[in-house]
Amino acid sequence: MNASSVHKISSHPRWVATMYEFVAPHWDNLVNGPWAESISSTRLSVEQMQGWILQIYPFIYDFPKFLAEALIKVEDDFSRTFLIENIRIEKAHAEHWLWMGEGFGLDRQRMLDLAEGGTPPLRDVQSLTDWVWRVNTKGSLAEAVAATSFAIEGVTGAIARKVCAGFEAYRDRPGVDMNPRTYKWIREHSHYDDEHPKFALEIVKHYAITERMQRQVMYAAKRSLELLNLALVTSTQTLPAPKVMTASAGSFGQPSKHGLGRETVRA
């Protein structure tokens, strides 16, 4: 979506600077916190990489549905064009995420089964999903776009740029096939989400016309960043269980020594 062909980026009202300051610690905690640093420095094991790729997939799978709920609230052509195109793009990105998982040795059907409810998602991933679903169905359009396309997609671009080189350095690890399909999601987000949140912010500014709405927008963006961080950290600590398990073995394995400061469990 080209800004010049649809809508010109406008100057920011004063409250937008306040919003940036309000969410900055939570944004920084994602981009420069333990999770991103561990990937950019290749400190995570392949198992840990599999953990977050697998466990976050249900959220990626549902993301276009969140945007479709926000689309119902649209009253202008720019926002409608933005969301329709974004839904199309995010559907493709869900496929690219599957490619990433396959490159790290995950079974495609296993990821799909998790996304389609075959097994329950992690609590923190479910909390993130529930929040984004709620804000897109029950919140205003300004809140919905702030929580999704501004906060989550915006910080995802920043994270992708931070970890891209480290992510691709896993090509030397056993069991990893670092081919163009494997790194497509990371590379695309490191470029695509650079300007995407700017367009989202135009929508937020257009609809958040009262001080109350502007405060709600700030809290919506902050909440998304907080919950995304929790989901990423927890999913990294939750290692994939073996592919073949007997009924008597149950669904939980033994704690691993790997982790980011807390005990690692198996899903």
Protein backbone atom coordinates (compact mmCIF):
# COMPACT_ATOMS: atom_id res chain seq x y z
CA MET A 1 0.00 0.00 0.00
CA ASN A 2 1.62 3.22 -1.16
CA ALA A 3 0.91 6.18 1.08
CA SER A 4 1.10 8.73 -1.73
CA SER A 5 -1.44 6.85 -3.82
CA VAL A 6 -4.06 6.67 -1.11
CA HIS A 7 -3.41 9.10 1.69
CA LYS A 8 -0.74 11.55 2.70
CA ILE A 9 0.93 11.09 6.08
CA SER A 10 -0.21 13.99 8.23
CA SER A 11 1.64 15.81 10.97
CA HIS A 12 1.10 14.37 14.44
CA PRO A 13 -1.08 16.08 17.02
CA ARG A 14 0.55 16.55 20.41
CA TRP A 15 -1.09 13.54 22.02
CA VAL A 16 0.68 11.13 19.65
CA ALA A 17 4.06 12.04 21.20
CA THR A 18 2.54 11.23 24.59
CA MET A 19 1.42 7.86 23.26
CA TYR A 20 4.90 7.04 21.98
CA GLU A 21 6.35 7.89 25.40
CA PHE A 22 3.65 5.83 27.12
CA VAL A 23 4.34 2.64 25.15
CA ALA A 24 8.12 3.10 24.77
CA PRO A 25 9.19 0.92 27.76
CA HIS A 26 7.01 -1.95 26.59
CA TRP A 27 8.14 -1.59 22.98
CA ASP A 28 11.78 -1.54 24.10
CA ASN A 29 11.23 -4.59 26.30
CA LEU A 30 10.22 -6.54 23.21
CA VAL A 31 12.89 -5.25 20.83
CA ASN A 32 15.82 -5.17 23.27
CA GLY A 33 14.65 -7.61 25.93
CA PRO A 34 15.88 -11.16 26.65
CA TRP A 35 13.75 -12.84 23.98
CA ALA A 36 14.95 -10.81 20.99
CA GLU A 37 18.51 -10.60 22.31
CA SER A 38 18.66 -14.39 22.64
CA ILE A 39 17.68 -14.86 18.99
CA SER A 40 19.91 -12.11 17.60
CA SER A 41 22.88 -13.66 19.46
CA THR A 42 21.78 -17.24 18.56
CA ARG A 43 21.73 -18.23 22.24
CA LEU A 44 18.44 -20.08 21.94
CA SER A 45 18.61 -23.78 21.19
CA VAL A 46 16.84 -25.16 18.13
CA GLU A 47 14.28 -26.67 20.50
CA GLN A 48 13.57 -23.25 21.98
CA MET A 49 13.22 -21.77 18.52
CA GLN A 50 10.75 -24.53 17.70
CA GLY A 51 8.90 -23.70 20.91
CA TRP A 52 7.97 -20.13 20.04
CA ILE A 53 7.40 -20.85 16.35
CA LEU A 54 4.94 -23.61 17.24
CA GLN A 55 3.16 -21.94 20.15
CA ILE A 56 2.70 -18.50 18.57
CA TYR A 57 1.28 -19.93 15.35
CA PRO A 58 -2.37 -20.01 16.57
CA PHE A 59 -2.17 -16.23 17.06
CA ILE A 60 -0.66 -15.75 13.59
CA TYR A 61 -3.37 -18.01 12.15
CA ASP A 62 -6.14 -15.91 13.73
CA PHE A 63 -4.65 -12.48 12.97
CA PRO A 64 -6.55 -11.90 9.68
CA LYS A 65 -9.80 -12.62 11.55
CA PHE A 66 -9.02 -9.85 14.04
CA LEU A 67 -8.54 -7.39 11.19
CA ALA A 68 -11.80 -8.50 9.59
CA GLU A 69 -13.66 -7.56 12.77
CA ALA A 70 -12.12 -4.09 12.69
CA LEU A 71 -13.10 -3.72 9.04
CA ILE A 72 -16.78 -3.76 10.03
CA LYS A 73 -16.31 -0.48 11.89
CA VAL A 74 -14.70 1.44 9.00
CA GLU A 75 -16.33 4.62 7.68
CA ASP A 76 -13.71 5.90 5.20
CA ASP A 77 -12.03 4.61 2.06
CA PHE A 78 -8.43 4.87 3.30
CA SER A 79 -9.07 2.69 6.36
CA ARG A 80 -11.10 0.22 4.30
CA THR A 81 -8.35 -0.14 1.69
CA PHE A 82 -5.71 -0.49 4.39
CA LEU A 83 -7.52 -3.26 6.25
CA ILE A 84 -8.64 -5.20 3.17
CA GLU A 85 -5.10 -5.28 1.84
CA ASN A 86 -3.71 -6.11 5.26
CA ILE A 87 -6.08 -9.06 5.62
CA ARG A 88 -4.85 -10.42 2.30
CA ILE A 89 -1.22 -9.97 3.32
CA GLU A 90 -1.67 -11.54 6.75
CA LYS A 91 -3.27 -14.65 5.24
CA ALA A 92 -0.11 -15.09 3.17
CA HIS A 93 2.05 -14.47 6.23
CA ALA A 94 0.31 -17.30 8.09
CA GLU A 95 1.51 -19.63 5.32
CA HIS A 96 5.00 -18.16 5.53
CA TRP A 97 5.03 -18.90 9.27
CA LEU A 98 4.36 -22.56 8.48
CA TRP A 99 7.34 -22.50 6.12
CA MET A 100 9.47 -21.08 8.91
CA GLY A 101 8.41 -23.86 11.24
CA GLU A 102 9.13 -26.53 8.65
CA GLY A 103 12.62 -25.09 8.17
CA PHE A 104 13.22 -25.57 11.89
CA GLY A 105 12.02 -29.16 11.79
CA LEU A 106 8.41 -28.72 12.90
CA ASP A 107 5.65 -30.77 11.34
CA ARG A 108 3.22 -28.63 9.33
CA GLN A 109 0.14 -30.57 10.39
CA ARG A 110 1.13 -30.29 14.02
CA MET A 111 1.15 -26.49 13.76
CA LEU A 112 -2.21 -26.52 11.99
CA ASP A 113 -3.73 -28.85 14.58
CA LEU A 114 -2.68 -26.48 17.35
CA ALA A 115 -4.14 -23.49 15.51
CA GLU A 116 -7.40 -25.30 14.78
CA GLY A 117 -7.96 -26.32 18.39
CA GLY A 118 -6.68 -29.88 18.34
CA THR A 119 -4.76 -29.10 21.53
CA PRO A 120 -5.18 -26.06 23.81
CA PRO A 121 -2.81 -23.13 23.27
CA LEU A 122 -0.55 -21.84 25.99
CA ARG A 123 -2.28 -19.67 28.58
CA ASP A 124 -0.27 -16.57 27.69
CA VAL A 125 -0.86 -17.06 23.96
CA GLN A 126 -4.57 -17.50 24.67
CA SER A 127 -4.56 -14.30 26.75
CA LEU A 128 -2.98 -12.39 23.86
CA THR A 129 -5.49 -13.85 21.41
CA ASP A 130 -8.46 -13.11 23.68
CA TRP A 131 -7.36 -9.52 24.17
CA VAL A 132 -6.80 -8.77 20.49
CA TRP A 133 -10.08 -10.46 19.60
CA ARG A 134 -11.94 -8.44 22.22
CA VAL A 135 -10.48 -5.08 21.28
CA ASN A 136 -11.29 -5.66 17.61
CA THR A 137 -14.88 -6.77 18.30
CA LYS A 138 -15.83 -4.59 21.27
CA GLY A 139 -13.47 -1.62 21.05
CA SER A 140 -13.56 1.40 18.78
CA LEU A 141 -11.82 1.29 15.40
CA ALA A 142 -9.07 3.54 16.80
CA GLU A 143 -8.45 1.11 19.68
CA ALA A 144 -8.52 -1.90 17.37
CA VAL A 145 -6.01 -0.48 14.91
CA ALA A 146 -3.78 0.81 17.70
CA ALA A 147 -3.72 -2.62 19.33
CA THR A 148 -3.06 -4.58 16.13
CA SER A 149 -1.60 -2.75 13.14
CA PHE A 150 0.15 -0.02 15.13
CA ALA A 151 1.40 -1.87 18.22
CA ILE A 152 1.74 -5.54 17.26
CA GLU A 153 2.62 -5.15 13.59
CA GLY A 154 4.78 -2.14 14.32
CA VAL A 155 6.88 -3.80 17.00
CA THR A 156 7.04 -6.98 14.90
CA GLY A 157 8.85 -5.03 12.20
CA ALA A 158 11.31 -3.66 14.74
CA ILE A 159 11.88 -7.15 16.18
CA ALA A 160 12.38 -8.64 12.70
CA ARG A 161 15.05 -6.07 11.90
CA LYS A 162 16.74 -6.78 15.23
CA VAL A 163 16.84 -10.58 14.94
CA CYS A 164 17.09 -11.13 11.17
CA ALA A 165 20.84 -11.78 11.03
CA GLY A 166 20.83 -13.97 14.14
CA PHE A 167 17.82 -15.91 12.90
CA GLU A 168 19.53 -16.76 9.63
CA ALA A 169 22.70 -17.76 11.52
CA TYR A 170 20.80 -20.86 12.65
CA ARG A 171 21.55 -22.28 9.20
CA ASP A 172 24.56 -24.04 10.76
CA ARG A 173 22.53 -25.82 13.44
CA PRO A 174 21.65 -29.52 13.04
CA GLY A 175 18.07 -30.06 11.97
CA VAL A 176 17.61 -26.57 10.50
CA ASP A 177 17.07 -26.03 6.78
CA MET A 178 17.61 -22.29 6.34
CA ASN A 179 16.24 -21.83 2.85
CA PRO A 180 14.38 -18.84 1.33
CA ARG A 181 11.05 -20.22 2.54
CA THR A 182 12.36 -20.50 6.10
CA TYR A 183 13.44 -16.87 6.38
CA LYS A 184 10.72 -15.34 4.18
CA TRP A 185 8.51 -14.31 7.11
CA ILE A 186 11.38 -12.63 8.97
CA ARG A 187 12.75 -10.84 5.91
CA GLU A 188 9.36 -9.62 4.73
CA HIS A 189 8.47 -8.20 8.14
CA SER A 190 11.79 -6.45 8.45
CA HIS A 191 10.78 -4.38 5.40
CA TYR A 192 6.99 -4.49 5.17
CA ASP A 193 6.31 -3.38 8.76
CA ASP A 194 8.65 -0.41 8.54
CA GLU A 195 5.96 1.82 7.02
CA HIS A 196 2.87 -0.20 7.89
CA PRO A 197 2.37 1.30 11.39
CA LYS A 198 2.58 4.78 9.89
CA PHE A 199 -0.54 4.08 7.85
CA ALA A 200 -2.19 2.52 10.91
CA LEU A 201 -1.44 5.62 12.94
CA GLU A 202 -3.22 7.74 10.33
CA ILE A 203 -6.37 5.73 11.01
CA VAL A 204 -5.92 6.03 14.76
CA LYS A 205 -5.51 9.81 14.53
CA HIS A 206 -8.56 10.10 12.28
CA TYR A 207 -10.89 8.27 14.66
CA ALA A 208 -9.46 9.10 18.11
CA ILE A 209 -10.91 12.60 18.25
CA THR A 210 -11.55 13.01 21.98
CA GLU A 211 -9.17 12.90 24.94
CA ARG A 212 -11.00 9.86 26.28
CA MET A 213 -10.58 7.98 23.01
CA GLN A 214 -6.92 8.95 22.86
CA ARG A 215 -6.34 7.55 26.35
CA GLN A 216 -8.11 4.34 25.36
CA VAL A 217 -5.87 4.07 22.29
CA MET A 218 -2.75 4.39 24.43
CA TYR A 219 -3.90 1.69 26.84
CA ALA A 220 -4.89 -0.61 23.97
CA ALA A 221 -1.44 -0.35 22.37
CA LYS A 222 0.28 -0.85 25.73
CA ARG A 223 -1.80 -3.90 26.57
CA SER A 224 -0.98 -5.57 23.24
CA LEU A 225 2.75 -5.03 23.75
CA GLU A 226 2.65 -6.40 27.29
CA LEU A 227 0.73 -9.52 26.33
CA LEU A 228 2.83 -10.15 23.22
CA ASN A 229 5.98 -10.09 25.34
CA LEU A 230 4.52 -12.58 27.82
CA ALA A 231 3.43 -14.89 25.01
CA LEU A 232 6.83 -14.86 23.31
CA VAL A 233 8.80 -15.48 26.50
CA THR A 234 6.50 -18.26 27.69
CA SER A 235 6.42 -19.97 24.31
CA THR A 236 10.22 -19.99 24.16
CA GLN A 237 10.28 -21.78 27.51
CA THR A 238 7.75 -24.36 26.33
CA LEU A 239 9.58 -26.90 24.25
CA PRO A 240 7.76 -29.10 21.73
CA ALA A 241 6.92 -32.56 23.03
CA PRO A 242 8.16 -35.56 21.04
CA LYS A 243 6.12 -36.27 17.91
CA VAL A 244 5.24 -39.82 18.99
CA MET A 245 3.72 -40.21 22.45
CA THR A 246 1.79 -43.09 23.98
CA ALA A 247 -1.53 -42.51 25.70
CA SER A 248 -0.04 -43.43 29.06
CA ALA A 249 2.77 -40.97 28.68
CA GLY A 250 0.45 -37.99 28.88
CA SER A 251 1.17 -34.65 27.31
CA PHE A 252 3.81 -33.30 29.63
CA GLY A 253 7.49 -34.11 29.52
CA GLN A 254 10.31 -33.37 31.93
CA PRO A 255 11.55 -29.83 32.55
CA SER A 256 14.46 -28.78 30.38
CA LYS A 257 17.54 -26.94 31.53
CA HIS A 258 17.05 -24.41 28.74
CA GLY A 259 15.16 -21.21 29.43
CA LEU A 260 15.21 -17.47 29.83
CA GLY A 261 15.44 -17.29 33.56
CA ARG A 262 12.58 -19.63 34.50
CA GLU A 263 11.97 -23.38 34.40
CA THR A 264 11.19 -24.70 30.94
CA VAL A 265 8.15 -26.91 30.46
CA ARG A 266 6.98 -29.02 27.58
CA ALA A 267 3.61 -28.56 25.92
